[in-house]
Amino acid sequence: MGSYVPNTRDERQGMLEAAGFSKMEDLFAHIPHEVLLNRPLDIPAGKSELEVSRVMAEMAGKNTIFPSIFRGAGAYDHYIPAIVKSVTSKEEFLTSYTPYQAEISQGVLQSIFEYQTMICEITGMDASNASVYDGATAAAEAASMCRERSRTVTYVSAACNPSVLRTLKTYCFSSGTELVVVPEKDGVTDLSAIEGELDGKTTASLYIEQPNYYGLLEDVEKAAEVIHAAGGKLIVGCNPISLGILKTPAECGADIAVGEGQPLGMPLSFGGPYLGFMAAKSSMTRKLPGRIVGETTDLDGKRAYVLTLQAREQHIRREKASSNICSNQALCAMTAAVYLAAVGADGLQKAATLCMSKAHYLAQELSKIPGFGRKHQGEFFHEFVTGCPICPHKLMAELEKHGILGGLPLTGAYEGSILWCCTEKNTKADIDRLVAIVKEVAAQ
């Protein structure tokens, strides 16, 4: 095992002797002889770089890469400018993990500070942390932020992403928090189901998504009024691309904005690694979990960056901590910052506009096919649900034959329906081709 440590045989021998041992085996003398490995491991011999490259290429060749994607449901196929990979693949960034020694980690800290600044700009919030593991984790951590001694009931919209709901249930179960699911009606959160019935003493928060899982736009301002009347906090889960054209969570009255940062420059990559962003009003800043980078000046008056407002309980008094997240997705956060810097405010607005306009065109064309009309009539961003008079899985299989990943077949109350999605990468020709295939399959 010593071969993995970057030092010479003589240096290792010197360390052994300093510790009172003469050979490496003596270091493990306390381990019973019968459990020591006294034979070579039964694994294949090592391969050269060329051989490994061929093996990995063969394995990767088993993956299906779809030229055309019309599926979202939480992870989206957006265009990533070349400069994003160019910057983040630099060795000094690619190998960075977390700034344990802030005084010699100014570059990493500055990149995180820039990321936090941009997240605050697109959400309208006052403070952001240095990111968490993914969007579902961010939602669950936000709910934990709102829990107080007597306020222990968290309300969650039934129209949110199912994976987020499952994560929230896990967090609430482990902390003894009651979770109440607010029903959906016509694809959006039915606020009338809880309006006037919220307990002003036990209500902690309401989590709602904008746009929601079905792509529909929620009445977030109304949600803010309802939850604030009971003394609770409003948590809004956002699609960051949609913030290029929609009102910010802050403008709608949210106390905390969270979301999945994958659309900001991260490829689909079979599910990760992704990025959870969190931002909050100034009154909630001290409850933000994980790392926060602040700007200050050094002894010479020069600009410097530091880790700030991080509760020690996250590290050494875990049983008293409101959160145990101590790290962050540093490389993913940098990716999001580079993406936002590259596209700018105008680029983000254009991407959002293209997503929305193309999705509306697709919905319009699909609705001309009998049985494929929209299930909901509300306004939507770039996802929507349609009926499907044939087996959805059969339709998806036919689309795959043409190199198209179609929408997501839904289950439960929406069994037999499909959740479609468009991004700026879907051309009109792609959409027309999809519609033509759907029409052909439906006519069979």
Protein backbone atom coordinates (compact mmCIF):
# COMPACT_ATOMS: atom_id res chain seq x y z
CA MET A 1 0.00 0.00 0.00
CA GLY A 2 2.98 2.30 0.47
CA SER A 3 3.41 2.47 -3.31
CA TYR A 4 0.48 4.91 -3.53
CA VAL A 5 2.29 7.47 -1.36
CA PRO A 6 4.62 9.83 -3.30
CA ASN A 7 7.89 9.11 -1.52
CA THR A 8 10.97 6.92 -2.01
CA ARG A 9 11.74 3.52 -0.46
CA ASP A 10 14.44 5.09 1.70
CA GLU A 11 12.02 7.75 2.94
CA ARG A 12 9.46 5.11 3.86
CA GLN A 13 12.11 3.09 5.67
CA GLY A 14 13.16 6.18 7.60
CA MET A 15 9.53 6.82 8.67
CA LEU A 16 9.15 3.20 9.77
CA GLU A 17 12.30 3.37 11.90
CA ALA A 18 11.21 6.69 13.42
CA ALA A 19 7.95 4.98 14.43
CA GLY A 20 9.84 2.05 15.96
CA PHE A 21 9.44 -0.51 13.16
CA SER A 22 11.99 -2.21 10.93
CA LYS A 23 9.75 -3.30 8.06
CA MET A 24 6.25 -2.61 6.70
CA GLU A 25 4.85 -5.92 7.99
CA ASP A 26 5.63 -4.87 11.58
CA LEU A 27 3.26 -1.93 11.16
CA PHE A 28 0.36 -4.40 10.83
CA ALA A 29 1.53 -6.95 13.40
CA HIS A 30 -1.58 -6.38 15.53
CA ILE A 31 -3.80 -7.78 12.76
CA PRO A 32 -4.47 -11.55 13.10
CA HIS A 33 -2.34 -13.51 10.67
CA GLU A 34 -5.31 -15.44 9.25
CA VAL A 35 -6.95 -12.27 7.89
CA LEU A 36 -3.80 -10.85 6.29
CA LEU A 37 -3.59 -11.10 2.51
CA ASN A 38 -0.69 -13.47 1.78
CA ARG A 39 -1.33 -14.02 -1.93
CA PRO A 40 -1.79 -11.88 -5.04
CA LEU A 41 -5.29 -10.55 -5.61
CA ASP A 42 -7.35 -12.50 -8.13
CA ILE A 43 -7.78 -9.59 -10.53
CA PRO A 44 -6.67 -9.10 -14.15
CA ALA A 45 -3.25 -7.65 -14.84
CA GLY A 46 -2.97 -3.92 -15.42
CA LYS A 47 -3.47 -2.44 -18.89
CA SER A 48 -1.65 0.23 -20.82
CA GLU A 49 -3.21 3.64 -21.41
CA LEU A 50 -4.09 2.67 -24.97
CA GLU A 51 -5.72 -0.57 -23.84
CA VAL A 52 -7.73 1.19 -21.14
CA SER A 53 -8.86 3.80 -23.67
CA ARG A 54 -10.12 1.06 -25.99
CA VAL A 55 -11.96 -0.73 -23.19
CA MET A 56 -13.64 2.48 -22.02
CA ALA A 57 -14.59 3.42 -25.59
CA GLU A 58 -16.16 -0.01 -26.08
CA MET A 59 -18.16 0.38 -22.86
CA ALA A 60 -19.27 3.90 -23.82
CA GLY A 61 -20.37 2.58 -27.20
CA LYS A 62 -23.13 0.63 -25.46
CA ASN A 63 -24.82 3.91 -24.49
CA THR A 64 -27.56 5.29 -26.70
CA ILE A 65 -26.94 8.93 -27.57
CA PHE A 66 -30.12 10.58 -28.82
CA PRO A 67 -29.61 13.34 -31.40
CA SER A 68 -33.03 14.76 -30.47
CA ILE A 69 -34.41 14.97 -26.92
CA PHE A 70 -37.93 16.00 -25.90
CA ARG A 71 -37.75 14.88 -22.26
CA GLY A 72 -37.13 16.97 -19.15
CA ALA A 73 -38.73 16.20 -15.77
CA GLY A 74 -35.85 17.73 -13.82
CA ALA A 75 -32.83 17.30 -16.11
CA TYR A 76 -32.61 19.24 -19.36
CA ASP A 77 -30.64 19.12 -22.61
CA HIS A 78 -29.45 22.70 -23.05
CA TYR A 79 -26.71 24.12 -25.24
CA ILE A 80 -23.44 24.53 -23.37
CA PRO A 81 -21.07 27.17 -24.81
CA ALA A 82 -17.58 25.79 -25.58
CA ILE A 83 -15.95 28.27 -23.21
CA VAL A 84 -17.61 26.59 -20.21
CA LYS A 85 -15.69 23.34 -20.65
CA SER A 86 -12.57 25.25 -21.72
CA VAL A 87 -12.44 27.18 -18.45
CA THR A 88 -13.58 24.50 -16.01
CA SER A 89 -11.27 21.83 -17.47
CA LYS A 90 -8.19 23.86 -16.53
CA GLU A 91 -6.10 21.86 -14.07
CA GLU A 92 -6.26 24.46 -11.30
CA PHE A 93 -10.06 24.35 -11.41
CA LEU A 94 -10.70 20.72 -12.30
CA THR A 95 -8.83 19.39 -9.30
CA SER A 96 -10.17 21.92 -6.79
CA TYR A 97 -12.34 20.50 -4.02
CA THR A 98 -12.96 22.76 -1.09
CA PRO A 99 -10.97 25.68 0.40
CA TYR A 100 -9.75 24.33 3.72
CA GLN A 101 -6.91 26.89 3.86
CA ALA A 102 -8.67 30.07 2.86
CA GLU A 103 -5.52 32.18 2.88
CA ILE A 104 -4.06 30.18 -0.01
CA SER A 105 -7.37 29.40 -1.75
CA GLN A 106 -8.27 32.88 -2.93
CA GLY A 107 -8.93 31.78 -6.51
CA VAL A 108 -11.37 29.05 -5.51
CA LEU A 109 -13.05 31.34 -2.99
CA GLN A 110 -13.45 34.09 -5.56
CA SER A 111 -15.04 31.68 -8.05
CA ILE A 112 -17.53 30.60 -5.38
CA PHE A 113 -18.22 34.23 -4.43
CA GLU A 114 -18.94 35.05 -8.08
CA TYR A 115 -21.27 32.05 -8.27
CA GLN A 116 -23.13 33.18 -5.14
CA THR A 117 -23.46 36.68 -6.58
CA MET A 118 -24.97 35.40 -9.82
CA ILE A 119 -27.43 33.11 -8.00
CA CYS A 120 -28.56 36.13 -5.98
CA GLU A 121 -28.97 38.16 -9.17
CA ILE A 122 -31.19 35.63 -10.96
CA THR A 123 -33.30 34.83 -7.88
CA GLY A 124 -33.48 38.36 -6.47
CA MET A 125 -32.39 37.09 -3.06
CA ASP A 126 -29.89 38.69 -0.67
CA ALA A 127 -27.56 35.79 0.07
CA SER A 128 -26.58 32.45 -1.42
CA ASN A 129 -24.55 29.55 -0.11
CA ALA A 130 -21.76 27.84 -2.04
CA SER A 131 -24.18 25.19 -3.34
CA VAL A 132 -25.34 21.78 -2.10
CA TYR A 133 -25.50 18.34 -3.70
CA ASP A 134 -28.58 18.64 -5.95
CA GLY A 135 -31.93 20.37 -6.29
CA ALA A 136 -33.81 17.86 -4.14
CA THR A 137 -31.28 18.26 -1.33
CA ALA A 138 -31.58 22.03 -1.60
CA ALA A 139 -35.37 21.82 -1.16
CA ALA A 140 -35.05 19.55 1.86
CA GLU A 141 -32.36 21.73 3.45
CA ALA A 142 -34.55 24.79 2.91
CA ALA A 143 -37.40 23.10 4.75
CA SER A 144 -35.02 22.40 7.62
CA MET A 145 -34.05 26.09 7.68
CA CYS A 146 -37.67 27.04 8.35
CA ARG A 147 -38.28 24.56 11.17
CA GLU A 148 -38.39 26.15 14.62
CA ARG A 149 -39.19 24.91 18.12
CA SER A 150 -42.96 25.05 17.72
CA ARG A 151 -43.20 25.41 13.94
CA THR A 152 -42.75 21.84 12.79
CA VAL A 153 -45.23 21.36 9.95
CA THR A 154 -43.96 21.57 6.36
CA TYR A 155 -46.44 21.86 3.48
CA VAL A 156 -45.38 20.58 0.07
CA SER A 157 -47.18 20.97 -3.24
CA ALA A 158 -48.34 17.73 -4.85
CA ALA A 159 -47.39 19.29 -8.19
CA CYS A 160 -43.67 19.25 -7.37
CA ASN A 161 -41.10 16.86 -8.80
CA PRO A 162 -41.69 13.37 -7.27
CA SER A 163 -37.97 12.92 -6.51
CA VAL A 164 -37.97 16.20 -4.58
CA LEU A 165 -41.06 15.10 -2.65
CA ARG A 166 -39.39 11.81 -1.72
CA THR A 167 -36.29 13.62 -0.48
CA LEU A 168 -38.39 16.03 1.56
CA LYS A 169 -40.22 13.09 3.13
CA THR A 170 -36.92 11.46 4.07
CA TYR A 171 -35.57 14.63 5.70
CA CYS A 172 -38.82 15.33 7.54
CA PHE A 173 -39.06 11.77 8.81
CA SER A 174 -35.53 11.84 10.20
CA SER A 175 -36.08 15.18 11.97
CA GLY A 176 -39.53 14.45 13.32
CA THR A 177 -41.13 17.10 11.11
CA GLU A 178 -44.70 16.62 9.92
CA LEU A 179 -45.07 16.82 6.14
CA VAL A 180 -48.44 17.68 4.63
CA VAL A 181 -48.96 17.34 0.88
CA VAL A 182 -51.09 20.12 -0.61
CA PRO A 183 -53.27 18.60 -3.38
CA GLU A 184 -53.10 19.77 -6.97
CA LYS A 185 -56.06 20.79 -9.06
CA ASP A 186 -55.91 21.17 -12.84
CA GLY A 187 -52.15 20.64 -12.67
CA VAL A 188 -51.37 23.41 -10.16
CA THR A 189 -51.26 23.65 -6.38
CA ASP A 190 -54.72 23.92 -4.85
CA LEU A 191 -54.03 26.65 -2.31
CA SER A 192 -57.72 26.80 -1.40
CA ALA A 193 -57.26 23.40 0.28
CA ILE A 194 -55.12 24.96 3.00
CA GLU A 195 -56.08 28.63 2.88
CA GLY A 196 -57.63 29.66 6.17
CA GLU A 197 -56.82 26.27 7.75
CA LEU A 198 -53.12 26.76 8.46
CA ASP A 199 -52.16 26.71 12.13
CA GLY A 200 -50.45 29.97 12.99
CA LYS A 201 -48.41 28.26 15.71
CA THR A 202 -47.16 25.10 14.01
CA THR A 203 -46.85 26.06 10.33
CA ALA A 204 -43.20 26.24 9.29
CA SER A 205 -43.10 26.48 5.51
CA LEU A 206 -44.65 25.81 2.13
CA TYR A 207 -42.62 24.40 -0.75
CA ILE A 208 -43.86 25.11 -4.27
CA GLU A 209 -42.17 24.90 -7.67
CA GLN A 210 -42.18 27.52 -10.43
CA PRO A 211 -42.73 26.15 -13.01
CA ASN A 212 -44.03 22.96 -11.42
CA TYR A 213 -43.40 19.35 -12.43
CA TYR A 214 -46.09 19.52 -15.13
CA GLY A 215 -44.51 22.65 -16.59
CA LEU A 216 -47.33 24.93 -15.44
CA LEU A 217 -46.83 28.35 -13.90
CA GLU A 218 -48.01 28.62 -10.30
CA ASP A 219 -49.53 31.62 -8.54
CA VAL A 220 -46.49 32.11 -6.33
CA GLU A 221 -47.63 35.53 -5.08
CA LYS A 222 -50.86 33.96 -3.81
CA ALA A 223 -48.86 31.17 -2.17
CA ALA A 224 -46.75 33.80 -0.38
CA GLU A 225 -49.87 35.52 0.95
CA VAL A 226 -51.34 32.26 2.22
CA ILE A 227 -48.24 30.95 4.02
CA HIS A 228 -47.18 34.35 5.40
CA ALA A 229 -50.62 34.84 6.91
CA ALA A 230 -49.88 31.81 9.07
CA GLY A 231 -46.40 33.02 9.97
CA GLY A 232 -44.64 30.46 7.80
CA LYS A 233 -41.97 30.81 5.13
CA LEU A 234 -42.33 30.30 1.39
CA ILE A 235 -39.74 28.14 -0.40
CA VAL A 236 -39.79 28.30 -4.19
CA GLY A 237 -38.09 25.66 -6.31
CA CYS A 238 -36.96 27.34 -9.54
CA ASN A 239 -35.85 26.31 -12.97
CA PRO A 240 -32.88 28.70 -13.35
CA ILE A 241 -33.33 29.10 -17.12
CA SER A 242 -36.95 30.22 -16.62
CA LEU A 243 -35.69 33.07 -14.45
CA GLY A 244 -34.50 34.70 -17.65
CA ILE A 245 -38.10 35.76 -18.34
CA LEU A 246 -40.21 35.04 -15.24
CA LYS A 247 -40.49 37.14 -12.11
CA THR A 248 -37.81 36.32 -9.57
CA PRO A 249 -38.82 34.38 -6.44
CA ALA A 250 -38.04 37.50 -4.40
CA GLU A 251 -40.45 39.59 -6.51
CA CYS A 252 -43.15 36.99 -5.82
CA GLY A 253 -42.62 37.12 -2.05
CA ALA A 254 -40.52 34.00 -1.49
CA ASP A 255 -38.27 33.75 1.56
CA ILE A 256 -35.98 31.07 0.09
CA ALA A 257 -35.22 30.14 -3.52
CA VAL A 258 -33.77 26.75 -4.35
CA GLY A 259 -33.42 24.61 -7.43
CA GLU A 260 -31.45 22.24 -9.60
CA GLY A 261 -28.54 24.03 -11.27
CA GLN A 262 -27.97 21.37 -13.94
CA PRO A 263 -29.42 23.56 -16.75
CA LEU A 264 -26.60 26.04 -16.09
CA GLY A 265 -23.89 24.43 -18.17
CA MET A 266 -23.94 20.85 -16.93
CA PRO A 267 -24.53 17.96 -19.36
CA LEU A 268 -27.12 15.29 -18.59
CA SER A 269 -24.33 12.78 -17.82
CA PHE A 270 -26.67 9.93 -16.89
CA GLY A 271 -27.90 11.80 -13.81
CA GLY A 272 -25.00 13.73 -12.35
CA PRO A 273 -23.03 15.15 -10.75
CA TYR A 274 -25.47 18.04 -10.54
CA LEU A 275 -25.83 21.12 -8.39
CA GLY A 276 -28.28 22.38 -5.79
CA PHE A 277 -28.48 26.15 -5.45
CA MET A 278 -29.88 27.95 -2.41
CA ALA A 279 -30.53 31.64 -1.84
CA ALA A 280 -32.46 33.46 0.85
CA LYS A 281 -33.53 36.83 2.17
CA SER A 282 -31.11 38.56 4.53
CA SER A 283 -33.24 37.57 7.54
CA MET A 284 -32.60 33.91 6.73
CA THR A 285 -28.89 34.21 5.89
CA ARG A 286 -27.61 32.79 9.17
CA LYS A 287 -29.73 29.67 8.67
CA LEU A 288 -28.26 28.86 5.26
CA PRO A 289 -26.49 25.47 5.49
CA GLY A 290 -23.04 24.60 4.22
CA ARG A 291 -20.43 27.02 3.00
CA ILE A 292 -20.79 30.75 2.39
CA VAL A 293 -17.97 32.84 0.94
CA GLY A 294 -17.74 36.48 1.91
CA GLU A 295 -15.68 39.41 0.61
CA THR A 296 -13.45 41.42 2.92
CA THR A 297 -10.05 43.17 2.94
CA ASP A 298 -6.70 41.96 4.23
CA LEU A 299 -4.22 43.83 6.45
CA ASP A 300 -2.99 45.76 3.43
CA GLY A 301 -6.49 46.84 2.45
CA LYS A 302 -6.60 44.54 -0.57
CA ARG A 303 -9.71 42.60 -1.52
CA ALA A 304 -9.81 39.11 -0.02
CA TYR A 305 -12.29 36.26 0.37
CA VAL A 306 -13.15 34.19 3.43
CA LEU A 307 -15.47 31.43 4.53
CA THR A 308 -18.05 33.03 6.78
CA LEU A 309 -21.14 32.36 8.90
CA GLN A 310 -20.61 28.61 9.00
CA ALA A 311 -21.96 27.00 12.16
CA ARG A 312 -19.40 24.85 13.97
CA GLU A 313 -22.23 22.46 14.87
CA GLN A 314 -22.15 21.23 11.30
CA HIS A 315 -18.75 19.73 12.03
CA ILE A 316 -18.38 18.84 15.72
CA ARG A 317 -21.80 18.91 17.41
CA ARG A 318 -23.80 17.07 14.79
CA GLU A 319 -26.64 16.12 17.11
CA LYS A 320 -27.42 19.82 17.67
CA ALA A 321 -26.98 20.89 14.05
CA SER A 322 -29.84 22.04 11.84
CA SER A 323 -27.81 20.77 8.89
CA ASN A 324 -24.87 18.42 8.47
CA ILE A 325 -23.86 19.61 5.01
CA CYS A 326 -20.26 20.79 5.31
CA SER A 327 -19.06 20.68 1.70
CA ASN A 328 -20.32 21.92 -1.65
CA GLN A 329 -20.31 21.04 -5.34
CA ALA A 330 -17.36 23.35 -6.06
CA LEU A 331 -16.65 22.32 -9.64
CA CYS A 332 -20.35 22.27 -10.58
CA ALA A 333 -20.83 25.68 -8.98
CA MET A 334 -17.94 27.04 -11.00
CA THR A 335 -19.49 25.54 -14.13
CA ALA A 336 -22.75 27.37 -13.41
CA ALA A 337 -20.86 30.63 -12.82
CA VAL A 338 -18.91 30.31 -16.08
CA TYR A 339 -22.11 29.49 -17.98
CA LEU A 340 -23.95 32.51 -16.57
CA ALA A 341 -20.98 34.78 -17.24
CA ALA A 342 -20.74 33.47 -20.81
CA VAL A 343 -24.39 33.87 -21.78
CA GLY A 344 -25.05 37.00 -19.72
CA ALA A 345 -28.48 38.40 -18.88
CA ASP A 346 -29.46 38.74 -22.55
CA GLY A 347 -28.36 35.19 -23.35
CA LEU A 348 -30.29 33.75 -20.43
CA GLN A 349 -33.39 35.64 -21.52
CA LYS A 350 -32.99 34.45 -25.10
CA ALA A 351 -32.52 30.82 -24.03
CA ALA A 352 -35.66 31.02 -21.88
CA THR A 353 -37.66 32.64 -24.68
CA LEU A 354 -36.60 29.99 -27.19
CA CYS A 355 -37.46 27.18 -24.76
CA MET A 356 -40.90 28.61 -24.13
CA SER A 357 -41.77 29.46 -27.74
CA LYS A 358 -40.66 26.08 -29.08
CA ALA A 359 -42.58 24.22 -26.38
CA HIS A 360 -45.72 26.16 -27.27
CA TYR A 361 -45.25 25.34 -30.93
CA LEU A 362 -44.86 21.65 -30.11
CA ALA A 363 -47.97 21.69 -27.92
CA GLN A 364 -49.92 23.41 -30.68
CA GLU A 365 -48.88 20.84 -33.30
CA LEU A 366 -49.42 17.80 -31.06
CA SER A 367 -52.89 19.01 -30.11
CA LYS A 368 -53.90 18.67 -33.78
CA ILE A 369 -53.50 14.90 -33.44
CA PRO A 370 -56.65 13.27 -31.96
CA GLY A 371 -56.08 12.28 -28.34
CA PHE A 372 -52.89 14.33 -27.90
CA GLY A 373 -54.47 17.50 -26.55
CA ARG A 374 -53.05 19.18 -23.46
CA LYS A 375 -54.28 17.88 -20.10
CA HIS A 376 -54.15 21.33 -18.52
CA GLN A 377 -55.12 24.73 -19.84
CA GLY A 378 -52.88 26.87 -17.64
CA GLU A 379 -49.85 28.86 -18.78
CA PHE A 380 -46.64 26.84 -19.04
CA PHE A 381 -42.92 27.39 -19.54
CA HIS A 382 -41.21 24.66 -21.58
CA GLU A 383 -42.93 21.48 -20.38
CA PHE A 384 -46.52 20.33 -20.75
CA VAL A 385 -48.65 17.20 -20.41
CA THR A 386 -50.71 15.67 -23.22
CA GLY A 387 -52.95 12.67 -23.51
CA CYS A 388 -51.85 9.59 -25.44
CA PRO A 389 -54.56 7.36 -26.93
CA ILE A 390 -52.05 4.58 -27.59
CA CYS A 391 -49.58 2.89 -25.25
CA PRO A 392 -47.06 5.63 -24.31
CA HIS A 393 -44.22 3.12 -24.08
CA LYS A 394 -44.97 1.83 -27.57
CA LEU A 395 -44.84 5.40 -28.86
CA MET A 396 -41.52 6.04 -27.09
CA ALA A 397 -40.07 2.86 -28.58
CA GLU A 398 -41.05 3.98 -32.08
CA LEU A 399 -39.51 7.41 -31.54
CA GLU A 400 -36.29 5.83 -30.30
CA LYS A 401 -35.99 3.97 -33.60
CA HIS A 402 -35.70 7.39 -35.24
CA GLY A 403 -33.11 8.68 -32.77
CA ILE A 404 -35.62 10.65 -30.71
CA LEU A 405 -35.99 10.48 -26.94
CA GLY A 406 -39.64 11.33 -26.52
CA GLY A 407 -41.50 12.72 -23.52
CA LEU A 408 -41.81 10.98 -20.17
CA PRO A 409 -44.77 8.60 -19.75
CA LEU A 410 -46.44 9.52 -16.46
CA THR A 411 -47.89 7.20 -13.83
CA GLY A 412 -50.45 7.42 -11.06
CA ALA A 413 -53.31 9.84 -11.65
CA TYR A 414 -51.77 10.75 -15.02
CA GLU A 415 -51.36 7.19 -16.28
CA GLY A 416 -51.55 7.22 -20.07
CA SER A 417 -50.27 10.81 -20.35
CA ILE A 418 -46.90 12.14 -21.51
CA LEU A 419 -44.78 14.98 -20.12
CA TRP A 420 -43.08 16.69 -23.08
CA CYS A 421 -40.25 19.22 -22.99
CA CYS A 422 -38.51 21.57 -25.42
CA THR A 423 -35.26 23.47 -25.03
CA GLU A 424 -33.44 25.90 -27.29
CA LYS A 425 -31.67 22.91 -28.91
CA ASN A 426 -34.87 21.56 -30.49
CA THR A 427 -35.18 22.97 -34.01
CA LYS A 428 -38.45 23.45 -35.87
CA ALA A 429 -37.40 20.61 -38.16
CA ASP A 430 -36.91 18.37 -35.10
CA ILE A 431 -40.36 19.27 -33.80
CA ASP A 432 -42.08 18.74 -37.13
CA ARG A 433 -40.37 15.37 -37.52
CA LEU A 434 -41.49 14.31 -34.04
CA VAL A 435 -45.08 15.35 -34.74
CA ALA A 436 -45.10 13.49 -38.05
CA ILE A 437 -43.91 10.27 -36.39
CA VAL A 438 -46.45 10.59 -33.57
CA LYS A 439 -49.22 11.14 -36.11
CA GLU A 440 -48.10 8.08 -38.09
CA VAL A 441 -47.91 5.82 -35.03
CA ALA A 442 -51.26 7.05 -33.70
CA ALA A 443 -52.93 6.25 -37.04
CA GLN A 444 -51.79 2.61 -37.00
